[in-house]
Amino acid sequence: MDVDDTQAGRAAEPAEERVRQLEKEIIQAQETLAEQKRIAEDHLNRLKYLQADFDNYRKKFDREKDVIIALAEERLISDLLTTVDDLERILDASAEVVQKEGIGLLYSNFLKILENHGLKRIESVGMKFDPYYHEAFCVEVCECENDTILEEFQPGYMLKMKVIRPAKVKVAVTKSEETGG
């Protein structure tokens, strides 16, 4: 039995050695796996940051594009206001009813198009003078309430929420304001 025990012991030694070697390989594989997981998480985080940066860039680009479009609309509509003024003068000076009706229809359609793009006329006559919306062209001493707009020389317009041309107006001044006391 001695020989058998020795042979069994020798056979057990390589098996134990093989188990230890496999355990080392398992530990190395776990360490490699942990390292690869860390690298994958690092790449995933970088990807998330890049995605967020791209989303921020796209939003900024969209905002800038909207501003450029608004400025282009403002410039176009500001230039077209001269035509609106000319049409109003023609309507006021036109004597023939048919011609006046045709020009009136053209004027109202043209103004409707501009309004669809955000143009709005600034109300003036009878309103309180507001330097943001009105430009005082002259003043008149009268019995009206101080800073009341008496006459509009040129209409003012807003494009969406921005004044693109203030109204040129005549403003009432009371006698006490005019004399300074």
C-alpha atoms as a PDB file:
ATOM      1  CA  MET A   1       0.000   0.000   0.000  1.00  0.00           C
ATOM      2  CA  ASP A   2       2.892   2.192   0.375  1.00  0.00           C
ATOM      3  CA  VAL A   3       3.529   2.256  -3.339  1.00  0.00           C
ATOM      4  CA  ASP A   4      -0.087   3.021  -4.082  1.00  0.00           C
ATOM      5  CA  ASP A   5      -0.180   5.889  -1.587  1.00  0.00           C
ATOM      6  CA  THR A   6       2.971   7.411  -3.080  1.00  0.00           C
ATOM      7  CA  GLN A   7       1.603   7.131  -6.563  1.00  0.00           C
ATOM      8  CA  ALA A   8      -1.690   8.621  -5.437  1.00  0.00           C
ATOM      9  CA  GLY A   9       0.205  11.451  -3.720  1.00  0.00           C
ATOM     10  CA  ARG A  10       2.203  12.115  -6.859  1.00  0.00           C
ATOM     11  CA  ALA A  11      -0.945  12.133  -8.936  1.00  0.00           C
ATOM     12  CA  ALA A  12      -2.608  14.511  -6.459  1.00  0.00           C
ATOM     13  CA  GLU A  13       0.299  16.973  -6.626  1.00  0.00           C
ATOM     14  CA  PRO A  14      -0.085  17.739 -10.345  1.00  0.00           C
ATOM     15  CA  ALA A  15      -3.864  18.020  -9.891  1.00  0.00           C
ATOM     16  CA  GLU A  16      -3.420  20.494  -7.004  1.00  0.00           C
ATOM     17  CA  GLU A  17      -0.835  22.400  -9.032  1.00  0.00           C
ATOM     18  CA  ARG A  18      -3.261  22.474 -11.947  1.00  0.00           C
ATOM     19  CA  VAL A  19      -6.063  23.768  -9.642  1.00  0.00           C
ATOM     20  CA  ARG A  20      -3.777  26.538  -8.321  1.00  0.00           C
ATOM     21  CA  GLN A  21      -2.786  27.483 -11.854  1.00  0.00           C
ATOM     22  CA  LEU A  22      -6.445  27.572 -12.904  1.00  0.00           C
ATOM     23  CA  GLU A  23      -7.287  29.726  -9.864  1.00  0.00           C
ATOM     24  CA  LYS A  24      -4.505  32.165 -10.868  1.00  0.00           C
ATOM     25  CA  GLU A  25      -5.883  32.235 -14.415  1.00  0.00           C
ATOM     26  CA  ILE A  26      -9.374  32.882 -13.067  1.00  0.00           C
ATOM     27  CA  ILE A  27      -8.077  35.788 -10.921  1.00  0.00           C
ATOM     28  CA  GLN A  28      -6.193  37.211 -13.930  1.00  0.00           C
ATOM     29  CA  ALA A  29      -9.293  36.815 -16.087  1.00  0.00           C
ATOM     30  CA  GLN A  30     -11.398  38.605 -13.420  1.00  0.00           C
ATOM     31  CA  GLU A  31      -8.830  41.432 -13.226  1.00  0.00           C
ATOM     32  CA  THR A  32      -8.768  41.706 -17.024  1.00  0.00           C
ATOM     33  CA  LEU A  33     -12.556  41.678 -17.084  1.00  0.00           C
ATOM     34  CA  ALA A  34     -12.691  44.426 -14.426  1.00  0.00           C
ATOM     35  CA  GLU A  35     -10.183  46.507 -16.431  1.00  0.00           C
ATOM     36  CA  GLN A  36     -12.160  46.022 -19.634  1.00  0.00           C
ATOM     37  CA  LYS A  37     -15.379  47.006 -17.799  1.00  0.00           C
ATOM     38  CA  ARG A  38     -13.652  50.184 -16.546  1.00  0.00           C
ATOM     39  CA  ILE A  39     -12.452  51.004 -20.082  1.00  0.00           C
ATOM     40  CA  ALA A  40     -15.947  50.339 -21.492  1.00  0.00           C
ATOM     41  CA  GLU A  41     -17.538  52.589 -18.834  1.00  0.00           C
ATOM     42  CA  ASP A  42     -14.953  55.294 -19.600  1.00  0.00           C
ATOM     43  CA  HIS A  43     -15.797  55.090 -23.319  1.00  0.00           C
ATOM     44  CA  LEU A  44     -19.514  55.162 -22.518  1.00  0.00           C
ATOM     45  CA  ASN A  45     -19.077  58.280 -20.359  1.00  0.00           C
ATOM     46  CA  ARG A  46     -17.065  59.979 -23.110  1.00  0.00           C
ATOM     47  CA  LEU A  47     -19.783  59.093 -25.584  1.00  0.00           C
ATOM     48  CA  LYS A  48     -22.437  60.571 -23.278  1.00  0.00           C
ATOM     49  CA  TYR A  49     -20.442  63.816 -22.929  1.00  0.00           C
ATOM     50  CA  LEU A  50     -19.975  64.017 -26.689  1.00  0.00           C
ATOM     51  CA  GLN A  51     -23.699  63.465 -27.201  1.00  0.00           C
ATOM     52  CA  ALA A  52     -24.515  66.214 -24.684  1.00  0.00           C
ATOM     53  CA  ASP A  53     -22.006  68.574 -26.346  1.00  0.00           C
ATOM     54  CA  PHE A  54     -23.543  67.866 -29.736  1.00  0.00           C
ATOM     55  CA  ASP A  55     -27.069  68.475 -28.411  1.00  0.00           C
ATOM     56  CA  ASN A  56     -25.936  71.802 -26.896  1.00  0.00           C
ATOM     57  CA  TYR A  57     -24.259  72.764 -30.175  1.00  0.00           C
ATOM     58  CA  ARG A  58     -27.405  71.911 -32.150  1.00  0.00           C
ATOM     59  CA  LYS A  59     -29.591  73.967 -29.798  1.00  0.00           C
ATOM     60  CA  LYS A  60     -27.189  76.925 -30.010  1.00  0.00           C
ATOM     61  CA  PHE A  61     -27.135  76.637 -33.807  1.00  0.00           C
ATOM     62  CA  ASP A  62     -30.951  76.587 -33.915  1.00  0.00           C
ATOM     63  CA  ARG A  63     -31.144  79.708 -31.704  1.00  0.00           C
ATOM     64  CA  GLU A  64     -28.603  81.546 -33.868  1.00  0.00           C
ATOM     65  CA  LYS A  65     -30.465  80.512 -37.007  1.00  0.00           C
ATOM     66  CA  ASP A  66     -33.724  81.873 -35.563  1.00  0.00           C
ATOM     67  CA  VAL A  67     -32.023  85.188 -34.717  1.00  0.00           C
ATOM     68  CA  ILE A  68     -30.618  85.475 -38.246  1.00  0.00           C
ATOM     69  CA  ILE A  69     -34.021  84.742 -39.764  1.00  0.00           C
ATOM     70  CA  ALA A  70     -35.662  87.325 -37.485  1.00  0.00           C
ATOM     71  CA  LEU A  71     -33.094  89.946 -38.483  1.00  0.00           C
ATOM     72  CA  ALA A  72     -33.636  89.197 -42.161  1.00  0.00           C
ATOM     73  CA  GLU A  73     -37.418  89.503 -41.709  1.00  0.00           C
ATOM     74  CA  GLU A  74     -36.955  92.761 -39.830  1.00  0.00           C
ATOM     75  CA  ARG A  75     -34.768  94.236 -42.569  1.00  0.00           C
ATOM     76  CA  LEU A  76     -37.218  93.172 -45.288  1.00  0.00           C
ATOM     77  CA  ILE A  77     -40.269  94.484 -43.496  1.00  0.00           C
ATOM     78  CA  SER A  78     -38.495  97.759 -42.614  1.00  0.00           C
ATOM     79  CA  ASP A  79     -37.776  98.262 -46.309  1.00  0.00           C
ATOM     80  CA  LEU A  80     -41.377  97.430 -47.233  1.00  0.00           C
ATOM     81  CA  LEU A  81     -42.739 100.033 -44.810  1.00  0.00           C
ATOM     82  CA  THR A  82     -41.796 102.730 -47.331  1.00  0.00           C
ATOM     83  CA  THR A  83     -44.178 101.083 -49.780  1.00  0.00           C
ATOM     84  CA  VAL A  84     -46.901 100.995 -47.126  1.00  0.00           C
ATOM     85  CA  ASP A  85     -46.392 104.734 -46.551  1.00  0.00           C
ATOM     86  CA  ASP A  86     -46.574 105.424 -50.299  1.00  0.00           C
ATOM     87  CA  LEU A  87     -49.783 103.417 -50.622  1.00  0.00           C
ATOM     88  CA  GLU A  88     -51.322 105.381 -47.746  1.00  0.00           C
ATOM     89  CA  ARG A  89     -50.394 108.681 -49.435  1.00  0.00           C
ATOM     90  CA  ILE A  90     -51.895 107.489 -52.740  1.00  0.00           C
ATOM     91  CA  LEU A  91     -55.112 106.490 -50.951  1.00  0.00           C
ATOM     92  CA  ASP A  92     -55.343 109.906 -49.316  1.00  0.00           C
ATOM     93  CA  ALA A  93     -54.663 111.770 -52.599  1.00  0.00           C
ATOM     94  CA  SER A  94     -56.637 109.582 -55.015  1.00  0.00           C
ATOM     95  CA  ALA A  95     -59.808 111.160 -56.358  1.00  0.00           C
ATOM     96  CA  GLU A  96     -61.291 108.410 -58.478  1.00  0.00           C
ATOM     97  CA  VAL A  97     -63.399 105.945 -56.499  1.00  0.00           C
ATOM     98  CA  VAL A  98     -62.514 102.921 -58.626  1.00  0.00           C
ATOM     99  CA  GLN A  99     -58.812 103.671 -58.469  1.00  0.00           C
ATOM    100  CA  LYS A 100     -59.070 104.294 -54.750  1.00  0.00           C
ATOM    101  CA  GLU A 101     -60.882 100.980 -54.180  1.00  0.00           C
ATOM    102  CA  GLY A 102     -58.264  99.057 -56.194  1.00  0.00           C
ATOM    103  CA  ILE A 103     -55.381 100.642 -54.375  1.00  0.00           C
ATOM    104  CA  GLY A 104     -57.228 100.156 -51.085  1.00  0.00           C
ATOM    105  CA  LEU A 105     -57.576  96.439 -51.803  1.00  0.00           C
ATOM    106  CA  LEU A 106     -53.896  96.226 -52.740  1.00  0.00           C
ATOM    107  CA  TYR A 107     -52.956  98.125 -49.577  1.00  0.00           C
ATOM    108  CA  SER A 108     -55.071  95.926 -47.274  1.00  0.00           C
ATOM    109  CA  ASN A 109     -53.752  92.694 -48.851  1.00  0.00           C
ATOM    110  CA  PHE A 110     -50.168  93.917 -48.617  1.00  0.00           C
ATOM    111  CA  LEU A 111     -50.637  94.928 -44.976  1.00  0.00           C
ATOM    112  CA  LYS A 112     -52.274  91.560 -44.182  1.00  0.00           C
ATOM    113  CA  ILE A 113     -49.208  89.748 -45.562  1.00  0.00           C
ATOM    114  CA  LEU A 114     -46.925  91.858 -43.389  1.00  0.00           C
ATOM    115  CA  GLU A 115     -49.151  91.251 -40.348  1.00  0.00           C
ATOM    116  CA  ASN A 116     -48.938  87.496 -40.975  1.00  0.00           C
ATOM    117  CA  HIS A 117     -45.172  87.863 -40.627  1.00  0.00           C
ATOM    118  CA  GLY A 118     -45.515  89.606 -37.253  1.00  0.00           C
ATOM    119  CA  LEU A 119     -45.925  93.278 -38.197  1.00  0.00           C
ATOM    120  CA  LYS A 120     -48.197  95.336 -35.962  1.00  0.00           C
ATOM    121  CA  ARG A 121     -49.021  99.040 -36.191  1.00  0.00           C
ATOM    122  CA  ILE A 122     -48.373 101.093 -33.051  1.00  0.00           C
ATOM    123  CA  GLU A 123     -51.462 102.915 -31.815  1.00  0.00           C
ATOM    124  CA  SER A 124     -50.778 106.608 -31.313  1.00  0.00           C
ATOM    125  CA  VAL A 125     -53.506 109.254 -31.516  1.00  0.00           C
ATOM    126  CA  GLY A 126     -55.209 109.707 -28.150  1.00  0.00           C
ATOM    127  CA  MET A 127     -52.651 107.492 -26.394  1.00  0.00           C
ATOM    128  CA  LYS A 128     -50.135 108.544 -23.763  1.00  0.00           C
ATOM    129  CA  PHE A 129     -46.687 109.376 -25.210  1.00  0.00           C
ATOM    130  CA  ASP A 130     -44.192 106.536 -24.661  1.00  0.00           C
ATOM    131  CA  PRO A 131     -40.637 107.196 -25.898  1.00  0.00           C
ATOM    132  CA  TYR A 132     -40.187 103.479 -26.555  1.00  0.00           C
ATOM    133  CA  TYR A 133     -43.026 103.490 -29.104  1.00  0.00           C
ATOM    134  CA  HIS A 134     -43.227 107.149 -30.162  1.00  0.00           C
ATOM    135  CA  GLU A 135     -40.896 109.864 -31.404  1.00  0.00           C
ATOM    136  CA  ALA A 136     -42.029 113.406 -30.540  1.00  0.00           C
ATOM    137  CA  PHE A 137     -41.873 115.382 -33.755  1.00  0.00           C
ATOM    138  CA  CYS A 138     -43.362 118.519 -32.204  1.00  0.00           C
ATOM    139  CA  VAL A 139     -45.440 119.663 -29.235  1.00  0.00           C
ATOM    140  CA  GLU A 140     -48.574 121.763 -28.990  1.00  0.00           C
ATOM    141  CA  VAL A 141     -49.785 123.723 -25.994  1.00  0.00           C
ATOM    142  CA  CYS A 142     -53.428 122.851 -25.371  1.00  0.00           C
ATOM    143  CA  GLU A 143     -55.996 121.952 -22.737  1.00  0.00           C
ATOM    144  CA  CYS A 144     -55.558 118.199 -23.275  1.00  0.00           C
ATOM    145  CA  GLU A 145     -53.932 115.975 -20.695  1.00  0.00           C
ATOM    146  CA  ASN A 146     -50.157 116.337 -20.692  1.00  0.00           C
ATOM    147  CA  ASP A 147     -48.237 113.876 -22.970  1.00  0.00           C
ATOM    148  CA  THR A 148     -51.352 112.925 -24.950  1.00  0.00           C
ATOM    149  CA  ILE A 149     -50.631 112.276 -28.615  1.00  0.00           C
ATOM    150  CA  LEU A 150     -52.628 114.705 -30.757  1.00  0.00           C
ATOM    151  CA  GLU A 151     -51.522 113.780 -34.271  1.00  0.00           C
ATOM    152  CA  GLU A 152     -49.528 111.072 -36.021  1.00  0.00           C
ATOM    153  CA  PHE A 153     -47.209 112.208 -38.833  1.00  0.00           C
ATOM    154  CA  GLN A 154     -45.812 108.782 -39.621  1.00  0.00           C
ATOM    155  CA  PRO A 155     -47.113 105.495 -38.216  1.00  0.00           C
ATOM    156  CA  GLY A 156     -44.842 103.320 -36.120  1.00  0.00           C
ATOM    157  CA  TYR A 157     -44.561  99.570 -36.380  1.00  0.00           C
ATOM    158  CA  MET A 158     -43.489  96.603 -34.287  1.00  0.00           C
ATOM    159  CA  LEU A 159     -42.201  93.317 -35.634  1.00  0.00           C
ATOM    160  CA  LYS A 160     -43.297  90.635 -33.197  1.00  0.00           C
ATOM    161  CA  MET A 161     -42.169  92.169 -29.863  1.00  0.00           C
ATOM    162  CA  LYS A 162     -39.599  94.670 -31.216  1.00  0.00           C
ATOM    163  CA  VAL A 163     -40.176  98.269 -32.291  1.00  0.00           C
ATOM    164  CA  ILE A 164     -38.710  98.590 -35.783  1.00  0.00           C
ATOM    165  CA  ARG A 165     -39.954 102.143 -36.372  1.00  0.00           C
ATOM    166  CA  PRO A 166     -41.364 104.457 -33.710  1.00  0.00           C
ATOM    167  CA  ALA A 167     -44.384 106.573 -34.617  1.00  0.00           C
ATOM    168  CA  LYS A 168     -43.619 110.249 -35.330  1.00  0.00           C
ATOM    169  CA  VAL A 169     -46.192 112.242 -33.402  1.00  0.00           C
ATOM    170  CA  LYS A 170     -47.349 115.618 -32.087  1.00  0.00           C
ATOM    171  CA  VAL A 171     -47.610 115.652 -28.278  1.00  0.00           C
ATOM    172  CA  ALA A 172     -49.831 117.823 -26.072  1.00  0.00           C
ATOM    173  CA  VAL A 173     -48.233 120.003 -23.412  1.00  0.00           C
ATOM    174  CA  THR A 174     -50.275 121.858 -20.805  1.00  0.00           C
ATOM    175  CA  LYS A 175     -49.667 125.562 -20.293  1.00  0.00           C
ATOM    176  CA  SER A 176     -48.042 125.007 -16.886  1.00  0.00           C
ATOM    177  CA  GLU A 177     -45.590 122.482 -18.409  1.00  0.00           C
ATOM    178  CA  GLU A 178     -44.787 124.803 -21.317  1.00  0.00           C
ATOM    179  CA  THR A 179     -43.957 127.773 -19.095  1.00  0.00           C
ATOM    180  CA  GLY A 180     -41.975 125.614 -16.702  1.00  0.00           C
ATOM    181  CA  GLY A 181     -44.031 126.099 -13.578  1.00  0.00           C
END
